[in-house]
N, C-alpha and C. Protein backbone atom coordinates (compact mmCIF):
# COMPACT_ATOMS: atom_id res chain seq x y z
N UNK A 1 6.31 -2.17 -13.32
CA UNK A 1 4.97 -2.59 -13.60
C UNK A 1 5.15 -2.93 -14.94
N UNK A 2 4.63 -3.56 -16.02
CA UNK A 2 4.11 -3.60 -16.76
C UNK A 2 2.75 -3.46 -17.74
N UNK A 3 2.25 -3.11 -16.82
CA UNK A 3 0.85 -3.13 -16.55
C UNK A 3 0.60 -1.77 -16.49
N UNK A 4 1.53 -0.58 -16.24
CA UNK A 4 0.64 0.49 -15.28
C UNK A 4 -0.14 1.24 -16.40
N UNK A 5 0.70 1.69 -17.85
CA UNK A 5 -1.33 2.05 -18.52
C UNK A 5 -2.51 1.61 -18.16
N UNK A 6 -2.50 0.03 -17.83
CA UNK A 6 -3.81 -0.30 -17.72
C UNK A 6 -4.49 -0.28 -16.44
N UNK A 7 -4.13 0.06 -15.10
CA UNK A 7 -3.87 0.13 -14.18
C UNK A 7 -5.33 0.87 -13.77
N UNK A 8 -5.49 0.30 -12.09
CA UNK A 8 -6.93 1.58 -12.37
C UNK A 8 -6.77 2.63 -11.29
N UNK A 9 -7.49 3.81 -11.79
CA UNK A 9 -7.13 4.90 -11.23
C UNK A 9 -5.64 5.16 -11.46
N UNK A 10 -5.11 5.20 -12.10
CA UNK A 10 -3.21 5.98 -11.94
C UNK A 10 -3.06 7.23 -11.34
N UNK A 11 -4.19 8.17 -11.83
CA UNK A 11 -4.23 9.44 -11.01
C UNK A 11 -4.30 9.39 -9.60
N UNK A 12 -5.03 8.33 -8.90
CA UNK A 12 -5.04 8.27 -7.41
C UNK A 12 -3.68 7.94 -6.44
N UNK A 13 -3.04 7.45 -7.73
CA UNK A 13 -1.56 6.71 -6.12
C UNK A 13 -0.77 7.40 -5.97
N UNK A 14 -0.49 7.64 -4.78
CA UNK A 14 0.47 8.46 -4.50
C UNK A 14 2.31 8.59 -4.57
N UNK A 15 2.86 9.60 -4.83
CA UNK A 15 4.17 9.87 -5.03
C UNK A 15 5.50 10.23 -4.38
N UNK A 16 4.38 10.93 -3.83
CA UNK A 16 5.03 11.82 -2.71
C UNK A 16 5.72 11.22 -1.48
N UNK A 17 6.95 11.26 -1.09
CA UNK A 17 7.78 10.72 0.16
C UNK A 17 6.64 11.46 1.07
N UNK A 18 6.30 12.12 1.75
CA UNK A 18 5.69 13.31 2.62
C UNK A 18 4.13 12.80 2.48
N UNK A 19 3.61 12.49 1.42
CA UNK A 19 1.66 11.92 1.26
C UNK A 19 1.82 10.49 1.77
N UNK A 20 3.22 9.88 1.50
CA UNK A 20 3.23 8.24 1.65
C UNK A 20 3.65 8.28 3.19
N UNK A 21 4.45 9.15 4.03
CA UNK A 21 4.36 9.44 5.41
C UNK A 21 3.34 9.54 5.91
N UNK A 22 2.77 11.18 5.68
CA UNK A 22 1.56 11.43 5.66
C UNK A 22 0.85 9.84 6.56
N UNK A 23 -0.05 9.39 5.05
CA UNK A 23 -0.94 8.44 5.28
C UNK A 23 -0.36 7.29 6.26
N UNK A 24 0.97 6.78 5.92
CA UNK A 24 1.55 5.78 7.02
C UNK A 24 1.16 5.91 8.25
N UNK A 25 0.92 7.05 8.66
CA UNK A 25 0.57 8.07 9.70
C UNK A 25 -0.45 7.72 10.63
N UNK A 26 -1.96 8.05 9.32
CA UNK A 26 -2.67 8.16 9.95
C UNK A 26 -3.30 7.27 9.78
N UNK A 27 -3.16 6.03 9.10
CA UNK A 27 -4.05 4.45 9.06
C UNK A 27 -3.42 3.46 10.47
N UNK A 28 -4.42 2.95 9.87
CA UNK A 28 -4.68 1.59 10.96
C UNK A 28 -3.61 0.66 11.07
N UNK A 29 -3.12 0.07 12.12
CA UNK A 29 -1.86 -1.35 12.65
C UNK A 29 -2.27 -1.95 10.90
N UNK A 30 -3.16 -2.42 11.06
CA UNK A 30 -3.29 -4.00 10.06
C UNK A 30 -3.32 -3.10 8.43
N UNK A 31 -3.20 -1.46 7.80
CA UNK A 31 -3.20 -0.60 7.08
C UNK A 31 -1.42 -0.87 6.75
N UNK A 32 -0.68 -0.63 7.74
CA UNK A 32 0.53 0.12 8.15
C UNK A 32 1.20 -1.73 7.35
N UNK A 33 0.82 -3.14 8.06
CA UNK A 33 1.45 -4.43 8.17
C UNK A 33 1.20 -4.81 6.31
N UNK A 34 -0.51 -4.17 6.42
CA UNK A 34 -0.36 -4.52 4.31
C UNK A 34 0.82 -3.27 3.23
N UNK A 35 0.84 -2.38 4.06
CA UNK A 35 1.99 -1.15 3.04
C UNK A 35 3.52 -2.21 3.19
N UNK A 36 3.22 -2.38 4.11
CA UNK A 36 5.18 -3.35 4.52
C UNK A 36 5.09 -4.38 3.67
N UNK A 37 4.15 -5.34 3.02
CA UNK A 37 4.07 -5.89 2.84
C UNK A 37 3.68 -5.87 1.03
N UNK A 38 3.79 -5.19 0.83
CA UNK A 38 3.97 -4.60 -1.02
C UNK A 38 4.77 -4.12 -1.19
N UNK A 39 5.49 -2.83 0.16
CA UNK A 39 6.80 -2.56 -0.46
C UNK A 39 7.69 -3.31 -0.22
N UNK A 40 7.54 -4.55 0.26
CA UNK A 40 8.80 -6.08 0.66
C UNK A 40 8.85 -6.54 -0.47
N UNK A 41 7.84 -6.92 -1.64
CA UNK A 41 7.79 -7.08 -2.44
C UNK A 41 7.04 -5.25 -4.19
N UNK A 42 7.98 -5.38 -4.19
CA UNK A 42 7.64 -3.64 -5.15
C UNK A 42 7.84 -4.31 -6.54
N UNK A 43 6.56 -3.35 -7.51
CA UNK A 43 6.84 -4.01 -8.89
C UNK A 43 6.01 -5.45 -8.70
N UNK A 44 6.00 -6.37 -8.22
CA UNK A 44 4.39 -7.13 -8.05
C UNK A 44 3.60 -7.22 -8.38
N UNK A 45 2.70 -6.70 -8.94
CA UNK A 45 0.70 -6.89 -8.96
C UNK A 45 1.04 -8.15 -8.59
N UNK A 46 0.04 -8.52 -7.22
CA UNK A 46 -0.59 -9.49 -6.79
C UNK A 46 -1.98 -9.72 -6.47
N UNK A 47 -2.46 -10.81 -6.67
CA UNK A 47 -3.51 -11.08 -5.74
C UNK A 47 -3.87 -10.89 -4.84
N UNK A 48 -5.82 -10.38 -4.53
CA UNK A 48 -5.13 -10.27 -2.49
C UNK A 48 -4.85 -11.46 -2.38
N UNK A 49 -5.67 -12.97 -2.47
CA UNK A 49 -5.28 -13.75 -1.41
C UNK A 49 -3.97 -14.17 -1.45
N UNK A 50 -3.22 -13.46 -2.47
CA UNK A 50 -1.77 -13.89 -2.79
C UNK A 50 -0.77 -13.22 -1.63
N UNK A 51 -1.32 -12.11 -1.13
CA UNK A 51 -0.80 -10.55 -0.17
C UNK A 51 -1.63 -11.59 1.34
N UNK A 52 -2.53 -11.74 1.12
CA UNK A 52 -2.89 -12.58 2.30
C UNK A 52 -2.06 -13.56 3.19
N UNK A 53 -1.98 -15.03 2.58
CA UNK A 53 -1.59 -15.48 2.34
C UNK A 53 0.34 -15.43 3.01
N UNK A 54 0.61 -14.06 2.72
CA UNK A 54 1.77 -13.80 3.09
C UNK A 54 2.22 -13.47 4.10
N UNK A 55 0.97 -12.21 4.45
CA UNK A 55 0.42 -11.70 5.62
C UNK A 55 0.41 -12.74 6.97
N UNK A 56 -0.29 -14.23 6.50
CA UNK A 56 -0.42 -14.80 7.67
C UNK A 56 -2.08 -14.54 7.91
N UNK A 57 -2.30 -13.86 7.16
CA UNK A 57 -4.45 -12.84 7.50
C UNK A 57 -5.02 -13.62 6.89
N UNK A 58 -6.55 -14.29 7.15
CA UNK A 58 -7.47 -14.58 6.47
C UNK A 58 -7.89 -14.15 4.85
N UNK A 59 -8.31 -15.02 3.99
CA UNK A 59 -8.85 -14.17 2.61
C UNK A 59 -9.96 -13.13 3.32
N UNK A 60 -10.08 -11.73 2.36
CA UNK A 60 -11.08 -11.04 2.33
C UNK A 60 -10.49 -10.31 3.97
N UNK A 61 -9.62 -10.80 3.86
CA UNK A 61 -9.61 -9.33 4.99
C UNK A 61 -8.78 -8.00 4.74
N UNK A 62 -8.35 -8.42 3.33
CA UNK A 62 -7.22 -6.94 2.57
C UNK A 62 -8.81 -5.63 2.15
N UNK A 63 -9.70 -6.64 2.05
CA UNK A 63 -11.05 -6.05 1.58
C UNK A 63 -11.58 -4.98 2.56
N UNK A 64 -11.24 -5.30 3.70
CA UNK A 64 -12.26 -5.13 5.08
C UNK A 64 -10.97 -3.96 5.53
N UNK A 65 -9.50 -4.08 5.41
CA UNK A 65 -9.18 -2.66 5.82
C UNK A 65 -9.09 -1.63 4.43
N UNK A 66 -9.29 -2.32 2.65
CA UNK A 66 -9.49 -1.58 2.84
C UNK A 66 -10.23 -0.36 2.39
N UNK A 67 -11.25 -0.85 2.99
CA UNK A 67 -12.57 0.17 3.30
C UNK A 67 -12.79 0.36 4.54
N UNK A 68 -12.16 0.26 5.61
CA UNK A 68 -11.78 0.85 6.80
C UNK A 68 -10.71 1.77 6.25
N UNK A 69 -10.32 1.96 5.70
CA UNK A 69 -9.31 3.02 4.82
C UNK A 69 -9.90 4.02 3.86
N UNK A 70 -11.26 3.44 3.00
CA UNK A 70 -11.63 4.80 2.55
C UNK A 70 -11.97 6.25 2.60
N UNK A 71 -12.12 6.20 4.14
CA UNK A 71 -13.06 7.42 5.34
C UNK A 71 -11.64 8.22 4.44
N UNK A 72 -10.28 7.91 5.35
CA UNK A 72 -8.98 8.46 5.76
C UNK A 72 -8.78 8.96 4.07
N UNK A 73 -8.96 7.55 3.02
CA UNK A 73 -8.30 8.07 1.87
C UNK A 73 -8.95 9.85 1.15
N UNK A 74 -10.43 9.08 1.56
CA UNK A 74 -11.19 10.57 0.59
C UNK A 74 -11.18 11.31 1.65
N UNK A 75 -11.59 11.72 2.72
CA UNK A 75 -11.40 13.15 3.68
C UNK A 75 -10.02 13.77 3.45
N UNK A 76 -8.89 13.04 4.03
CA UNK A 76 -7.30 13.85 4.23
C UNK A 76 -6.64 13.38 2.61
N UNK A 77 -6.92 12.20 1.80
CA UNK A 77 -6.24 12.24 0.79
C UNK A 77 -6.75 12.49 -0.85
N UNK A 78 -8.09 12.80 -0.69
CA UNK A 78 -8.03 13.49 -1.98
C UNK A 78 -8.66 11.54 -3.06
N UNK A 79 -8.85 11.09 -2.09
CA UNK A 79 -9.01 9.93 -2.88
C UNK A 79 -8.03 9.10 -2.94
N UNK A 80 -6.41 9.89 -3.29
CA UNK A 80 -5.50 9.40 -3.05
C UNK A 80 -4.69 7.78 -2.30
N UNK A 81 -3.73 6.97 -2.87
CA UNK A 81 -3.64 5.77 -1.85
C UNK A 81 -1.89 5.68 -2.76
N UNK A 82 -0.95 4.54 -1.34
CA UNK A 82 0.25 4.77 -1.72
C UNK A 82 -0.07 3.35 -1.99
N UNK A 83 -0.34 3.24 -2.82
CA UNK A 83 -0.65 1.50 -3.53
C UNK A 83 -0.96 1.68 -5.27
N UNK A 84 -0.79 0.44 -6.34
CA UNK A 84 -1.22 0.93 -7.46
C UNK A 84 -2.47 -0.64 -7.48
N UNK A 85 -4.00 -0.08 -8.03
CA UNK A 85 -4.31 -1.87 -8.50
C UNK A 85 -4.60 -2.20 -10.23
N UNK A 86 -4.81 -3.33 -10.42
CA UNK A 86 -4.90 -3.56 -12.00
C UNK A 86 -6.34 -4.37 -11.36
N UNK A 87 -7.55 -3.59 -12.00
CA UNK A 87 -9.20 -4.55 -12.17
C UNK A 87 -8.78 -6.31 -12.66
N UNK A 88 -10.05 -6.87 -12.41
CA UNK A 88 -9.86 -8.22 -12.59
C UNK A 88 -10.24 -8.25 -14.35
N UNK A 89 -10.42 -6.76 -14.74
CA UNK A 89 -10.40 -7.51 -16.56
C UNK A 89 -9.12 -7.30 -16.94
N UNK A 90 -8.01 -6.74 -16.01
CA UNK A 90 -6.84 -5.91 -16.45
C UNK A 90 -5.63 -7.26 -15.82
N UNK A 91 -5.86 -7.83 -15.28
CA UNK A 91 -4.79 -8.31 -14.12
C UNK A 91 -4.71 -9.66 -14.41
N UNK A 92 -3.52 -10.56 -14.59
CA UNK A 92 -3.66 -12.21 -15.14
C UNK A 92 -4.06 -13.20 -14.36
N UNK A 93 -4.35 -12.85 -12.59
CA UNK A 93 -5.31 -13.66 -12.40
C UNK A 93 -7.01 -13.68 -12.26
N UNK A 94 -7.01 -12.79 -13.46
CA UNK A 94 -8.64 -12.74 -13.41
C UNK A 94 -9.12 -11.99 -11.61
N UNK A 95 -8.88 -11.47 -10.84
CA UNK A 95 -9.01 -10.74 -9.77
C UNK A 95 -7.90 -9.62 -9.46
N UNK A 96 -8.71 -8.61 -8.96
CA UNK A 96 -7.75 -7.46 -8.51
C UNK A 96 -6.39 -7.39 -7.84
N UNK A 97 -5.43 -6.95 -8.27
CA UNK A 97 -4.51 -7.73 -7.83
C UNK A 97 -3.67 -5.78 -7.43
N UNK A 98 -2.86 -5.87 -6.40
CA UNK A 98 -2.55 -4.24 -6.27
C UNK A 98 -0.84 -4.59 -5.91
N UNK A 99 -0.16 -3.93 -6.40
CA UNK A 99 1.20 -3.20 -5.71
C UNK A 99 1.35 -1.87 -5.31
N UNK A 100 3.24 -1.89 -4.97
CA UNK A 100 3.36 -0.95 -4.41
C UNK A 100 4.30 -0.59 -5.60
N UNK A 101 4.96 0.57 -6.58
CA UNK A 101 6.12 0.80 -7.62
C UNK A 101 7.03 0.85 -6.10
N UNK A 102 8.36 1.34 -6.60
CA UNK A 102 9.51 1.33 -7.04
C UNK A 102 9.72 2.14 -5.80
N UNK A 103 9.06 3.17 -6.05
CA UNK A 103 9.37 4.67 -5.74
C UNK A 103 8.48 4.81 -4.85
N UNK A 104 7.11 3.99 -4.55
CA UNK A 104 6.35 4.25 -3.50
C UNK A 104 7.00 3.39 -2.27
N UNK A 105 7.65 2.15 -2.92
CA UNK A 105 8.29 1.57 -1.81
C UNK A 105 9.24 2.02 -0.75
N UNK A 106 10.11 2.57 -1.93
CA UNK A 106 11.67 3.39 -1.14
C UNK A 106 11.07 4.62 -0.39
N UNK A 107 9.48 4.88 -0.81
CA UNK A 107 9.41 6.28 0.32
C UNK A 107 9.40 5.51 1.44
N UNK A 108 8.08 4.43 1.22
CA UNK A 108 8.08 3.92 2.60
C UNK A 108 9.23 3.39 3.26
N UNK A 109 9.67 2.61 3.18
CA UNK A 109 11.10 2.07 3.37
C UNK A 109 11.73 3.45 4.54
N UNK A 110 11.33 4.58 3.04
CA UNK A 110 12.33 5.55 4.50
C UNK A 110 11.66 5.89 5.50
N UNK A 111 10.39 6.19 5.46
CA UNK A 111 9.54 6.23 6.28
C UNK A 111 9.96 5.53 7.56
N UNK A 112 9.87 4.26 7.91
CA UNK A 112 10.18 3.56 8.43
C UNK A 112 11.11 2.95 9.16
N UNK A 113 11.93 3.38 7.99
CA UNK A 113 13.79 3.70 9.29
C UNK A 113 13.84 4.69 9.53
N UNK A 114 13.14 6.33 9.39
CA UNK A 114 13.47 7.24 10.47
C UNK A 114 12.51 6.32 11.87
N UNK A 115 11.21 5.36 11.60
CA UNK A 115 10.21 5.67 12.66
C UNK A 115 11.32 4.74 14.02
N UNK A 116 12.27 3.73 13.00
CA UNK A 116 13.40 2.62 13.67
C UNK A 116 13.91 3.69 14.75
N UNK A 117 14.81 4.73 13.61
CA UNK A 117 16.03 5.71 14.59
C UNK A 117 15.53 6.44 15.26
N UNK A 118 14.49 6.87 15.22
CA UNK A 118 13.50 7.98 16.30
C UNK A 118 13.94 7.49 17.30
N UNK A 119 12.82 5.82 17.32
CA UNK A 119 12.91 4.86 18.74
C UNK A 119 14.11 4.24 18.74
N UNK A 120 14.77 4.46 17.99
CA UNK A 120 16.85 4.16 19.61
C UNK A 120 16.90 5.43 19.76
N UNK A 121 16.85 6.47 19.45
CA UNK A 121 17.58 7.96 19.96
C UNK A 121 16.51 7.77 20.95
N UNK A 122 15.44 7.65 21.62
CA UNK A 122 14.56 7.68 22.37
C UNK A 122 15.15 6.45 23.44
N UNK A 123 15.44 5.06 23.12
CA UNK A 123 15.51 4.77 23.66
C UNK A 123 17.10 5.02 24.71
N UNK A 124 17.52 5.15 24.32
CA UNK A 124 18.79 5.66 24.91
C UNK A 124 19.21 6.59 26.07
């Protein structure tokens, strides 16, 4: 993402695989769905409405999901998050945009792969 220098609160972005795995484990199903969509298209900042459309969600749901995860982020993760933001002044769309960088997406994919393998091991 070329605009990383202009991103909103870059110090809050998670970069550790274990931290991202723990966040994924602790968050809601809707937040997990959002994280999966962000990981599907890493390094591309998109406005919330575009992400919601990709998920088949009604507009404004991301705001509610992020709000719901706010307490978890603050209490358990010191405000850190496994995604990044551009605010409306810095984004191409003039709206808040979010994305996962390649490392965050890779960490999430590794977590998801481990979950699939663990489920496969218990099915046999």
